[in-house]
Amino acid sequence: MATSGIVGSVKGLWRFPVKSMSGERLDKAELTERGLVGDRAYALSDTETGKVASAKSVRLFPNLLSCRASFVEPPHLGRELPPVRITLPGGASATSDSSDIDRVLSAYFHREVTLARSAPDDFTIDQYHPDIEDVDPAGHRDTVIEQKLGSAFFDQAGLASPVPVGAFFDLFPVSVLTTSTLDRLTELRPQSRFDERRFRMNVIVHAQEAGFVENEWIGRDLTIGDSVRLRIALPDPRCVMTTLDQGELPNDTDVLRTLIRYNKIQVGHSGQFPCAGVYAVVAEMGTIRIGDRVALT
């Protein structure tokens, strides 16, 4: 079990300006109680269903992960967010402040969508559960279910929400993954590519210990650099998104099967899920930089 003290350093920082699109790798990031400034600032809203578009909705939005989103200039705390440029596969692009952004996106996805800045109060997606045994404790396989996310998830569960109404986060404002977990998965299944991009985490920690070290961080505080402190809340349950192709990464359901076999653990009171990484809330704000030391307290 990990004890208090330095556990590693920041290897990677990721911001995802548009939910379920590929994001930006950063050298530094400002962190507030709402996570990285600009993270999940936008999402697509499906006009027909009223639901938020997600790469987990593999049948309706199969190419969402292949779209790339980046701010035209770095966002800063306390300022209006700059526009986001969305680049579609093939190279066509449009910015969030352009008058035809919704038309461009609707034409690409062959569905009427709008680029939204705020999630609805009943934030819901269509989530596909792949035909894989034990991926879902409720037993769903090869089917689509309506899934509440964000504050709507916690409201439905009768719990206080760690994210505000209108935020596009799945459950928590920050996510953390270690290189030790990626290395261990690669050892267990060398035929698959356990690239950090598959997991869409905010902070990648180059960890000193081996194995699924984040599992031992639940309920502890993680300090990063001179000022940032994260409170580790829960293991991060993984879903079909980790298996999807993006860029040169192929579709690979064995990514999820490996997690089911080797790191299926209890998540709160919800049951056992295949996990990789952890969710966190921000206890103390500040700026994170590549190379910052990471300590467990």
C-alpha atoms as a PDB file:
ATOM      1  CA  MET A   1       0.000   0.000   0.000  1.00  0.00           C
ATOM      2  CA  ALA A   2       1.245   3.494  -0.842  1.00  0.00           C
ATOM      3  CA  THR A   3       2.233   5.607   2.167  1.00  0.00           C
ATOM      4  CA  SER A   4       2.468   9.363   2.519  1.00  0.00           C
ATOM      5  CA  GLY A   5       5.207  11.058   0.517  1.00  0.00           C
ATOM      6  CA  ILE A   6       6.233  11.690  -3.067  1.00  0.00           C
ATOM      7  CA  VAL A   7       4.666   9.188  -5.444  1.00  0.00           C
ATOM      8  CA  GLY A   8       5.835  10.601  -8.775  1.00  0.00           C
ATOM      9  CA  SER A   9       5.659  13.593 -11.079  1.00  0.00           C
ATOM     10  CA  VAL A  10       3.283  15.025 -13.680  1.00  0.00           C
ATOM     11  CA  LYS A  11       3.986  13.417 -17.048  1.00  0.00           C
ATOM     12  CA  GLY A  12       0.934  14.596 -18.993  1.00  0.00           C
ATOM     13  CA  LEU A  13      -1.890  17.150 -18.849  1.00  0.00           C
ATOM     14  CA  TRP A  14      -4.974  16.959 -21.022  1.00  0.00           C
ATOM     15  CA  ARG A  15      -7.893  19.308 -21.595  1.00  0.00           C
ATOM     16  CA  PHE A  16     -10.948  18.312 -23.625  1.00  0.00           C
ATOM     17  CA  PRO A  17     -12.736  21.506 -24.761  1.00  0.00           C
ATOM     18  CA  VAL A  18     -15.635  19.542 -26.316  1.00  0.00           C
ATOM     19  CA  LYS A  19     -16.992  16.473 -24.582  1.00  0.00           C
ATOM     20  CA  SER A  20     -16.099  13.196 -26.344  1.00  0.00           C
ATOM     21  CA  MET A  21     -13.858  14.866 -28.932  1.00  0.00           C
ATOM     22  CA  SER A  22     -10.091  14.454 -28.849  1.00  0.00           C
ATOM     23  CA  GLY A  23      -8.402  17.131 -26.785  1.00  0.00           C
ATOM     24  CA  GLU A  24      -5.266  19.155 -26.211  1.00  0.00           C
ATOM     25  CA  ARG A  25      -2.052  18.093 -24.541  1.00  0.00           C
ATOM     26  CA  LEU A  26      -0.797  20.916 -22.322  1.00  0.00           C
ATOM     27  CA  ASP A  27       2.433  22.047 -20.687  1.00  0.00           C
ATOM     28  CA  LYS A  28       0.539  23.689 -17.834  1.00  0.00           C
ATOM     29  CA  ALA A  29      -3.048  24.123 -16.726  1.00  0.00           C
ATOM     30  CA  GLU A  30      -4.936  26.320 -14.298  1.00  0.00           C
ATOM     31  CA  LEU A  31      -7.089  24.326 -11.929  1.00  0.00           C
ATOM     32  CA  THR A  32     -10.245  25.581 -10.192  1.00  0.00           C
ATOM     33  CA  GLU A  33     -12.959  23.825  -8.210  1.00  0.00           C
ATOM     34  CA  ARG A  34     -14.533  23.140 -11.627  1.00  0.00           C
ATOM     35  CA  GLY A  35     -11.441  21.326 -12.896  1.00  0.00           C
ATOM     36  CA  LEU A  36      -9.016  22.471 -15.585  1.00  0.00           C
ATOM     37  CA  VAL A  37     -10.039  25.832 -17.006  1.00  0.00           C
ATOM     38  CA  GLY A  38     -11.842  25.103 -20.284  1.00  0.00           C
ATOM     39  CA  ASP A  39     -12.194  21.359 -19.760  1.00  0.00           C
ATOM     40  CA  ARG A  40     -15.469  19.958 -21.124  1.00  0.00           C
ATOM     41  CA  ALA A  41     -16.611  23.523 -21.786  1.00  0.00           C
ATOM     42  CA  TYR A  42     -18.806  22.415 -24.704  1.00  0.00           C
ATOM     43  CA  ALA A  43     -20.741  19.382 -25.874  1.00  0.00           C
ATOM     44  CA  LEU A  44     -23.011  18.513 -28.756  1.00  0.00           C
ATOM     45  CA  SER A  45     -26.731  18.398 -28.067  1.00  0.00           C
ATOM     46  CA  ASP A  46     -28.889  16.083 -30.171  1.00  0.00           C
ATOM     47  CA  THR A  47     -31.908  18.137 -31.288  1.00  0.00           C
ATOM     48  CA  GLU A  48     -34.168  15.118 -31.854  1.00  0.00           C
ATOM     49  CA  THR A  49     -33.602  13.403 -28.503  1.00  0.00           C
ATOM     50  CA  GLY A  50     -32.573  16.354 -26.319  1.00  0.00           C
ATOM     51  CA  LYS A  51     -29.697  14.226 -25.025  1.00  0.00           C
ATOM     52  CA  VAL A  52     -26.022  15.101 -24.926  1.00  0.00           C
ATOM     53  CA  ALA A  53     -23.979  13.473 -27.678  1.00  0.00           C
ATOM     54  CA  SER A  54     -21.307  11.094 -26.436  1.00  0.00           C
ATOM     55  CA  ALA A  55     -18.795   8.717 -27.979  1.00  0.00           C
ATOM     56  CA  LYS A  56     -20.474   6.158 -25.710  1.00  0.00           C
ATOM     57  CA  SER A  57     -23.416   6.485 -28.123  1.00  0.00           C
ATOM     58  CA  VAL A  58     -21.472   4.482 -30.676  1.00  0.00           C
ATOM     59  CA  ARG A  59     -24.388   3.914 -33.039  1.00  0.00           C
ATOM     60  CA  LEU A  60     -25.469   7.551 -33.321  1.00  0.00           C
ATOM     61  CA  PHE A  61     -22.049   9.236 -33.085  1.00  0.00           C
ATOM     62  CA  PRO A  62     -19.466   6.685 -34.243  1.00  0.00           C
ATOM     63  CA  ASN A  63     -16.890   9.281 -35.292  1.00  0.00           C
ATOM     64  CA  LEU A  64     -17.115  11.722 -32.402  1.00  0.00           C
ATOM     65  CA  LEU A  65     -13.716  10.728 -30.993  1.00  0.00           C
ATOM     66  CA  SER A  66     -12.140  11.373 -34.400  1.00  0.00           C
ATOM     67  CA  CYS A  67     -13.057  15.061 -34.192  1.00  0.00           C
ATOM     68  CA  ARG A  68     -10.436  17.324 -32.624  1.00  0.00           C
ATOM     69  CA  ALA A  69     -11.192  20.323 -30.415  1.00  0.00           C
ATOM     70  CA  SER A  70      -8.730  22.999 -29.293  1.00  0.00           C
ATOM     71  CA  PHE A  71      -8.967  26.571 -28.083  1.00  0.00           C
ATOM     72  CA  VAL A  72      -7.755  29.170 -30.596  1.00  0.00           C
ATOM     73  CA  GLU A  73      -5.732  30.652 -27.720  1.00  0.00           C
ATOM     74  CA  PRO A  74      -5.162  29.436 -24.154  1.00  0.00           C
ATOM     75  CA  PRO A  75      -8.067  30.119 -21.776  1.00  0.00           C
ATOM     76  CA  HIS A  76      -7.362  31.831 -18.459  1.00  0.00           C
ATOM     77  CA  LEU A  77      -9.104  31.906 -15.118  1.00  0.00           C
ATOM     78  CA  GLY A  78     -11.444  34.890 -14.735  1.00  0.00           C
ATOM     79  CA  ARG A  79     -11.629  35.659 -18.446  1.00  0.00           C
ATOM     80  CA  GLU A  80     -14.212  34.805 -21.078  1.00  0.00           C
ATOM     81  CA  LEU A  81     -13.312  31.538 -22.761  1.00  0.00           C
ATOM     82  CA  PRO A  82     -11.820  32.016 -26.243  1.00  0.00           C
ATOM     83  CA  PRO A  83     -13.458  30.238 -29.189  1.00  0.00           C
ATOM     84  CA  VAL A  84     -12.845  26.545 -29.773  1.00  0.00           C
ATOM     85  CA  ARG A  85     -11.765  25.242 -33.174  1.00  0.00           C
ATOM     86  CA  ILE A  86     -13.320  21.910 -34.134  1.00  0.00           C
ATOM     87  CA  THR A  87     -11.461  19.993 -36.837  1.00  0.00           C
ATOM     88  CA  LEU A  88     -13.326  17.148 -38.500  1.00  0.00           C
ATOM     89  CA  PRO A  89     -11.765  14.047 -40.041  1.00  0.00           C
ATOM     90  CA  GLY A  90     -10.662  15.091 -43.516  1.00  0.00           C
ATOM     91  CA  GLY A  91      -9.499  18.515 -42.370  1.00  0.00           C
ATOM     92  CA  ALA A  92     -12.619  20.708 -42.503  1.00  0.00           C
ATOM     93  CA  SER A  93     -12.929  22.953 -39.456  1.00  0.00           C
ATOM     94  CA  ALA A  94     -15.087  25.632 -37.864  1.00  0.00           C
ATOM     95  CA  THR A  95     -14.913  27.678 -34.684  1.00  0.00           C
ATOM     96  CA  SER A  96     -17.484  27.802 -31.918  1.00  0.00           C
ATOM     97  CA  ASP A  97     -18.224  31.481 -32.588  1.00  0.00           C
ATOM     98  CA  SER A  98     -18.937  31.030 -36.297  1.00  0.00           C
ATOM     99  CA  SER A  99     -22.523  31.400 -37.459  1.00  0.00           C
ATOM    100  CA  ASP A 100     -22.513  28.069 -39.314  1.00  0.00           C
ATOM    101  CA  ILE A 101     -20.957  25.848 -36.646  1.00  0.00           C
ATOM    102  CA  ASP A 102     -24.189  23.919 -36.014  1.00  0.00           C
ATOM    103  CA  ARG A 103     -24.767  23.429 -39.740  1.00  0.00           C
ATOM    104  CA  VAL A 104     -21.232  22.104 -40.251  1.00  0.00           C
ATOM    105  CA  LEU A 105     -21.525  19.661 -37.365  1.00  0.00           C
ATOM    106  CA  SER A 106     -25.031  18.515 -38.321  1.00  0.00           C
ATOM    107  CA  ALA A 107     -23.910  17.854 -41.890  1.00  0.00           C
ATOM    108  CA  TYR A 108     -20.974  15.774 -40.690  1.00  0.00           C
ATOM    109  CA  PHE A 109     -22.935  13.624 -38.230  1.00  0.00           C
ATOM    110  CA  HIS A 110     -26.058  13.427 -40.428  1.00  0.00           C
ATOM    111  CA  ARG A 111     -28.093  14.429 -37.380  1.00  0.00           C
ATOM    112  CA  GLU A 112     -29.277  17.834 -36.264  1.00  0.00           C
ATOM    113  CA  VAL A 113     -27.010  18.917 -33.421  1.00  0.00           C
ATOM    114  CA  THR A 114     -26.093  22.147 -31.685  1.00  0.00           C
ATOM    115  CA  LEU A 115     -22.871  23.079 -29.937  1.00  0.00           C
ATOM    116  CA  ALA A 116     -23.943  23.744 -26.348  1.00  0.00           C
ATOM    117  CA  ARG A 117     -22.184  25.545 -23.498  1.00  0.00           C
ATOM    118  CA  SER A 118     -24.347  24.137 -20.714  1.00  0.00           C
ATOM    119  CA  ALA A 119     -25.749  20.699 -19.981  1.00  0.00           C
ATOM    120  CA  PRO A 120     -29.493  20.350 -19.410  1.00  0.00           C
ATOM    121  CA  ASP A 121     -30.708  19.830 -15.850  1.00  0.00           C
ATOM    122  CA  ASP A 122     -31.551  16.205 -16.726  1.00  0.00           C
ATOM    123  CA  PHE A 123     -28.170  15.610 -18.440  1.00  0.00           C
ATOM    124  CA  THR A 124     -28.667  12.241 -20.172  1.00  0.00           C
ATOM    125  CA  ILE A 125     -26.760  10.263 -22.804  1.00  0.00           C
ATOM    126  CA  ASP A 126     -27.422   7.068 -24.731  1.00  0.00           C
ATOM    127  CA  GLN A 127     -24.730   4.687 -23.484  1.00  0.00           C
ATOM    128  CA  TYR A 128     -23.840   1.534 -25.365  1.00  0.00           C
ATOM    129  CA  HIS A 129     -22.764  -1.428 -23.270  1.00  0.00           C
ATOM    130  CA  PRO A 130     -20.646  -3.741 -25.451  1.00  0.00           C
ATOM    131  CA  ASP A 131     -21.216  -7.483 -25.687  1.00  0.00           C
ATOM    132  CA  ILE A 132     -18.603  -8.241 -23.033  1.00  0.00           C
ATOM    133  CA  GLU A 133     -19.254 -10.303 -19.927  1.00  0.00           C
ATOM    134  CA  ASP A 134     -18.983  -8.501 -16.561  1.00  0.00           C
ATOM    135  CA  VAL A 135     -18.450  -5.021 -17.991  1.00  0.00           C
ATOM    136  CA  ASP A 136     -21.596  -3.773 -16.248  1.00  0.00           C
ATOM    137  CA  PRO A 137     -22.727  -4.949 -12.788  1.00  0.00           C
ATOM    138  CA  ALA A 138     -26.350  -4.527 -13.909  1.00  0.00           C
ATOM    139  CA  GLY A 139     -25.734  -7.142 -16.589  1.00  0.00           C
ATOM    140  CA  HIS A 140     -26.338  -4.997 -19.691  1.00  0.00           C
ATOM    141  CA  ARG A 141     -24.692  -6.434 -22.845  1.00  0.00           C
ATOM    142  CA  ASP A 142     -24.873  -5.310 -26.454  1.00  0.00           C
ATOM    143  CA  THR A 143     -27.551  -2.778 -25.635  1.00  0.00           C
ATOM    144  CA  VAL A 144     -28.108   0.950 -25.258  1.00  0.00           C
ATOM    145  CA  ILE A 145     -29.439   2.444 -22.037  1.00  0.00           C
ATOM    146  CA  GLU A 146     -30.286   5.984 -21.006  1.00  0.00           C
ATOM    147  CA  GLN A 147     -27.656   7.144 -18.536  1.00  0.00           C
ATOM    148  CA  LYS A 148     -27.840  10.206 -16.304  1.00  0.00           C
ATOM    149  CA  LEU A 149     -24.534  12.021 -15.875  1.00  0.00           C
ATOM    150  CA  GLY A 150     -23.153  15.017 -14.004  1.00  0.00           C
ATOM    151  CA  SER A 151     -25.379  16.637 -11.413  1.00  0.00           C
ATOM    152  CA  ALA A 152     -28.374  14.718 -12.796  1.00  0.00           C
ATOM    153  CA  PHE A 153     -26.714  11.421 -11.820  1.00  0.00           C
ATOM    154  CA  PHE A 154     -26.219  12.551  -8.224  1.00  0.00           C
ATOM    155  CA  ASP A 155     -29.680  14.102  -8.015  1.00  0.00           C
ATOM    156  CA  GLN A 156     -31.191  10.798  -9.121  1.00  0.00           C
ATOM    157  CA  ALA A 157     -29.125   9.002  -6.469  1.00  0.00           C
ATOM    158  CA  GLY A 158     -30.113  11.497  -3.767  1.00  0.00           C
ATOM    159  CA  LEU A 159     -26.493  12.575  -3.246  1.00  0.00           C
ATOM    160  CA  ALA A 160     -24.718  15.927  -3.197  1.00  0.00           C
ATOM    161  CA  SER A 161     -23.089  16.561  -6.578  1.00  0.00           C
ATOM    162  CA  PRO A 162     -19.357  17.314  -6.849  1.00  0.00           C
ATOM    163  CA  VAL A 163     -20.040  19.081 -10.157  1.00  0.00           C
ATOM    164  CA  PRO A 164     -22.418  22.023 -10.706  1.00  0.00           C
ATOM    165  CA  VAL A 165     -25.649  21.914 -12.678  1.00  0.00           C
ATOM    166  CA  GLY A 166     -24.821  22.637 -16.312  1.00  0.00           C
ATOM    167  CA  ALA A 167     -21.337  21.076 -16.259  1.00  0.00           C
ATOM    168  CA  PHE A 168     -20.541  18.413 -18.858  1.00  0.00           C
ATOM    169  CA  PHE A 169     -18.386  16.199 -16.610  1.00  0.00           C
ATOM    170  CA  ASP A 170     -19.487  12.587 -16.317  1.00  0.00           C
ATOM    171  CA  LEU A 171     -19.165  12.479 -12.530  1.00  0.00           C
ATOM    172  CA  PHE A 172     -16.218  14.449 -11.115  1.00  0.00           C
ATOM    173  CA  PRO A 173     -14.248  17.516 -12.237  1.00  0.00           C
ATOM    174  CA  VAL A 174     -10.766  15.928 -12.378  1.00  0.00           C
ATOM    175  CA  SER A 175      -9.378  12.532 -13.365  1.00  0.00           C
ATOM    176  CA  VAL A 176      -5.920  11.069 -12.688  1.00  0.00           C
ATOM    177  CA  LEU A 177      -4.113   8.069 -14.181  1.00  0.00           C
ATOM    178  CA  THR A 178      -0.612   6.711 -13.555  1.00  0.00           C
ATOM    179  CA  THR A 179       1.974   5.348 -15.953  1.00  0.00           C
ATOM    180  CA  SER A 180       2.197   2.377 -13.577  1.00  0.00           C
ATOM    181  CA  THR A 181      -1.343   1.344 -14.467  1.00  0.00           C
ATOM    182  CA  LEU A 182      -0.638   1.703 -18.190  1.00  0.00           C
ATOM    183  CA  ASP A 183       2.604  -0.270 -17.838  1.00  0.00           C
ATOM    184  CA  ARG A 184       0.908  -3.032 -15.867  1.00  0.00           C
ATOM    185  CA  LEU A 185      -1.869  -3.358 -18.433  1.00  0.00           C
ATOM    186  CA  THR A 186       0.738  -3.558 -21.192  1.00  0.00           C
ATOM    187  CA  GLU A 187       2.516  -6.349 -19.306  1.00  0.00           C
ATOM    188  CA  LEU A 188      -0.743  -8.246 -18.944  1.00  0.00           C
ATOM    189  CA  ARG A 189      -1.844  -7.789 -22.558  1.00  0.00           C
ATOM    190  CA  PRO A 190       1.125  -6.770 -24.775  1.00  0.00           C
ATOM    191  CA  GLN A 191      -0.932  -7.268 -27.951  1.00  0.00           C
ATOM    192  CA  SER A 192      -3.080  -4.234 -27.091  1.00  0.00           C
ATOM    193  CA  ARG A 193      -2.077  -0.568 -27.034  1.00  0.00           C
ATOM    194  CA  PHE A 194      -2.806   0.955 -23.637  1.00  0.00           C
ATOM    195  CA  ASP A 195      -2.230   4.490 -24.788  1.00  0.00           C
ATOM    196  CA  GLU A 196      -3.166   7.266 -22.340  1.00  0.00           C
ATOM    197  CA  ARG A 197      -5.402   8.798 -25.008  1.00  0.00           C
ATOM    198  CA  ARG A 198      -7.838   5.900 -24.691  1.00  0.00           C
ATOM    199  CA  PHE A 199      -8.624   6.890 -21.100  1.00  0.00           C
ATOM    200  CA  ARG A 200      -9.164  10.658 -21.553  1.00  0.00           C
ATOM    201  CA  MET A 201      -7.688  11.646 -18.204  1.00  0.00           C
ATOM    202  CA  ASN A 202      -6.702  15.163 -17.124  1.00  0.00           C
ATOM    203  CA  VAL A 203      -3.524  14.320 -15.222  1.00  0.00           C
ATOM    204  CA  ILE A 204      -1.047  11.556 -16.071  1.00  0.00           C
ATOM    205  CA  VAL A 205       1.331  10.809 -13.201  1.00  0.00           C
ATOM    206  CA  HIS A 206       4.690   9.159 -13.789  1.00  0.00           C
ATOM    207  CA  ALA A 207       4.515   6.944 -10.702  1.00  0.00           C
ATOM    208  CA  GLN A 208       7.393   5.411  -8.794  1.00  0.00           C
ATOM    209  CA  GLU A 209       5.604   2.250  -7.643  1.00  0.00           C
ATOM    210  CA  ALA A 210       4.410  -0.567  -9.898  1.00  0.00           C
ATOM    211  CA  GLY A 211       0.904  -1.865 -10.465  1.00  0.00           C
ATOM    212  CA  PHE A 212      -2.544  -0.302 -10.106  1.00  0.00           C
ATOM    213  CA  VAL A 213      -1.264   2.152  -7.520  1.00  0.00           C
ATOM    214  CA  GLU A 214      -4.208   4.590  -7.747  1.00  0.00           C
ATOM    215  CA  ASN A 215      -6.470   1.983  -6.154  1.00  0.00           C
ATOM    216  CA  GLU A 216      -4.765   2.760  -2.846  1.00  0.00           C
ATOM    217  CA  TRP A 217      -5.302   6.517  -3.139  1.00  0.00           C
ATOM    218  CA  ILE A 218      -9.057   6.558  -2.528  1.00  0.00           C
ATOM    219  CA  GLY A 219      -9.921   8.900   0.332  1.00  0.00           C
ATOM    220  CA  ARG A 220      -6.440  10.427   0.356  1.00  0.00           C
ATOM    221  CA  ASP A 221      -5.182  13.833  -0.792  1.00  0.00           C
ATOM    222  CA  LEU A 222      -2.797  14.279  -3.694  1.00  0.00           C
ATOM    223  CA  THR A 223      -0.689  17.428  -3.740  1.00  0.00           C
ATOM    224  CA  ILE A 224       0.736  18.597  -7.053  1.00  0.00           C
ATOM    225  CA  GLY A 225       3.470  21.197  -7.274  1.00  0.00           C
ATOM    226  CA  ASP A 226       3.424  24.050  -4.785  1.00  0.00           C
ATOM    227  CA  SER A 227      -0.280  24.739  -4.453  1.00  0.00           C
ATOM    228  CA  VAL A 228      -2.733  22.234  -5.968  1.00  0.00           C
ATOM    229  CA  ARG A 229      -4.385  19.643  -3.761  1.00  0.00           C
ATOM    230  CA  LEU A 230      -6.794  17.000  -5.043  1.00  0.00           C
ATOM    231  CA  ARG A 231      -9.027  14.834  -2.893  1.00  0.00           C
ATOM    232  CA  ILE A 232      -9.261  11.390  -4.447  1.00  0.00           C
ATOM    233  CA  ALA A 233     -12.902  10.309  -4.426  1.00  0.00           C
ATOM    234  CA  LEU A 234     -13.505   7.101  -6.367  1.00  0.00           C
ATOM    235  CA  PRO A 235     -11.942   4.656  -8.831  1.00  0.00           C
ATOM    236  CA  ASP A 236     -12.773   5.554 -12.430  1.00  0.00           C
ATOM    237  CA  PRO A 237     -15.070   2.916 -14.019  1.00  0.00           C
ATOM    238  CA  ARG A 238     -14.252   2.265 -17.660  1.00  0.00           C
ATOM    239  CA  CYS A 239     -16.633   1.748 -20.561  1.00  0.00           C
ATOM    240  CA  VAL A 240     -16.778   1.172 -24.296  1.00  0.00           C
ATOM    241  CA  MET A 241     -14.879   4.420 -25.016  1.00  0.00           C
ATOM    242  CA  THR A 242     -11.571   2.809 -24.039  1.00  0.00           C
ATOM    243  CA  THR A 243     -12.024   0.299 -26.860  1.00  0.00           C
ATOM    244  CA  LEU A 244     -12.853   2.697 -29.708  1.00  0.00           C
ATOM    245  CA  ASP A 245     -10.515   3.618 -32.527  1.00  0.00           C
ATOM    246  CA  GLN A 246      -9.106   7.138 -32.547  1.00  0.00           C
ATOM    247  CA  GLY A 247      -6.274   8.372 -34.715  1.00  0.00           C
ATOM    248  CA  GLU A 248      -3.930   5.453 -35.244  1.00  0.00           C
ATOM    249  CA  LEU A 249      -5.294   3.559 -32.231  1.00  0.00           C
ATOM    250  CA  PRO A 250      -7.418   0.637 -33.433  1.00  0.00           C
ATOM    251  CA  ASN A 251     -10.730  -0.582 -32.095  1.00  0.00           C
ATOM    252  CA  ASP A 252      -9.808  -3.124 -29.420  1.00  0.00           C
ATOM    253  CA  THR A 253     -12.314  -4.698 -27.027  1.00  0.00           C
ATOM    254  CA  ASP A 254      -9.462  -6.524 -25.266  1.00  0.00           C
ATOM    255  CA  VAL A 255      -8.560  -3.228 -23.598  1.00  0.00           C
ATOM    256  CA  LEU A 256     -11.760  -3.497 -21.574  1.00  0.00           C
ATOM    257  CA  ARG A 257     -11.544  -7.269 -21.158  1.00  0.00           C
ATOM    258  CA  THR A 258      -8.088  -6.897 -19.607  1.00  0.00           C
ATOM    259  CA  LEU A 259      -9.433  -4.429 -17.047  1.00  0.00           C
ATOM    260  CA  ILE A 260     -12.329  -6.764 -16.259  1.00  0.00           C
ATOM    261  CA  ARG A 261      -9.943  -9.630 -15.624  1.00  0.00           C
ATOM    262  CA  TYR A 262      -7.275  -7.803 -13.643  1.00  0.00           C
ATOM    263  CA  ASN A 263      -8.711  -4.620 -12.107  1.00  0.00           C
ATOM    264  CA  LYS A 264     -12.418  -5.064 -11.498  1.00  0.00           C
ATOM    265  CA  ILE A 265     -13.024  -3.336  -8.160  1.00  0.00           C
ATOM    266  CA  GLN A 266     -15.777  -1.882  -6.009  1.00  0.00           C
ATOM    267  CA  VAL A 267     -16.883   1.665  -6.878  1.00  0.00           C
ATOM    268  CA  GLY A 268     -18.744   3.262  -4.003  1.00  0.00           C
ATOM    269  CA  HIS A 269     -22.066   1.495  -3.490  1.00  0.00           C
ATOM    270  CA  SER A 270     -22.638   0.957  -7.230  1.00  0.00           C
ATOM    271  CA  GLY A 271     -20.971  -2.439  -7.603  1.00  0.00           C
ATOM    272  CA  GLN A 272     -17.773  -3.749  -9.139  1.00  0.00           C
ATOM    273  CA  PHE A 273     -16.492  -2.200 -12.371  1.00  0.00           C
ATOM    274  CA  PRO A 274     -13.385  -2.521 -14.535  1.00  0.00           C
ATOM    275  CA  CYS A 275     -11.351   0.512 -13.484  1.00  0.00           C
ATOM    276  CA  ALA A 276      -8.290   2.494 -14.527  1.00  0.00           C
ATOM    277  CA  GLY A 277      -7.365   5.703 -12.732  1.00  0.00           C
ATOM    278  CA  VAL A 278      -9.299   7.736 -10.198  1.00  0.00           C
ATOM    279  CA  TYR A 279     -11.734  10.631  -9.936  1.00  0.00           C
ATOM    280  CA  ALA A 280     -10.979  13.650  -7.755  1.00  0.00           C
ATOM    281  CA  VAL A 281     -12.322  16.954  -6.505  1.00  0.00           C
ATOM    282  CA  VAL A 282     -10.209  20.071  -6.111  1.00  0.00           C
ATOM    283  CA  ALA A 283      -9.426  20.931  -2.491  1.00  0.00           C
ATOM    284  CA  GLU A 284      -6.932  23.710  -3.295  1.00  0.00           C
ATOM    285  CA  MET A 285      -6.689  25.542  -6.619  1.00  0.00           C
ATOM    286  CA  GLY A 286      -3.590  26.571  -8.538  1.00  0.00           C
ATOM    287  CA  THR A 287      -1.489  25.832 -11.603  1.00  0.00           C
ATOM    288  CA  ILE A 288      -0.159  22.401 -12.583  1.00  0.00           C
ATOM    289  CA  ARG A 289       2.905  22.021 -14.798  1.00  0.00           C
ATOM    290  CA  ILE A 290       4.610  19.105 -16.499  1.00  0.00           C
ATOM    291  CA  GLY A 291       7.314  17.844 -14.170  1.00  0.00           C
ATOM    292  CA  ASP A 292       5.597  18.961 -10.952  1.00  0.00           C
ATOM    293  CA  ARG A 293       6.133  16.557  -8.095  1.00  0.00           C
ATOM    294  CA  VAL A 294       3.106  14.588  -6.916  1.00  0.00           C
ATOM    295  CA  ALA A 295       2.757  13.582  -3.264  1.00  0.00           C
ATOM    296  CA  LEU A 296       0.225  11.529  -1.326  1.00  0.00           C
ATOM    297  CA  THR A 297      -0.852  12.964   2.020  1.00  0.00           C
END
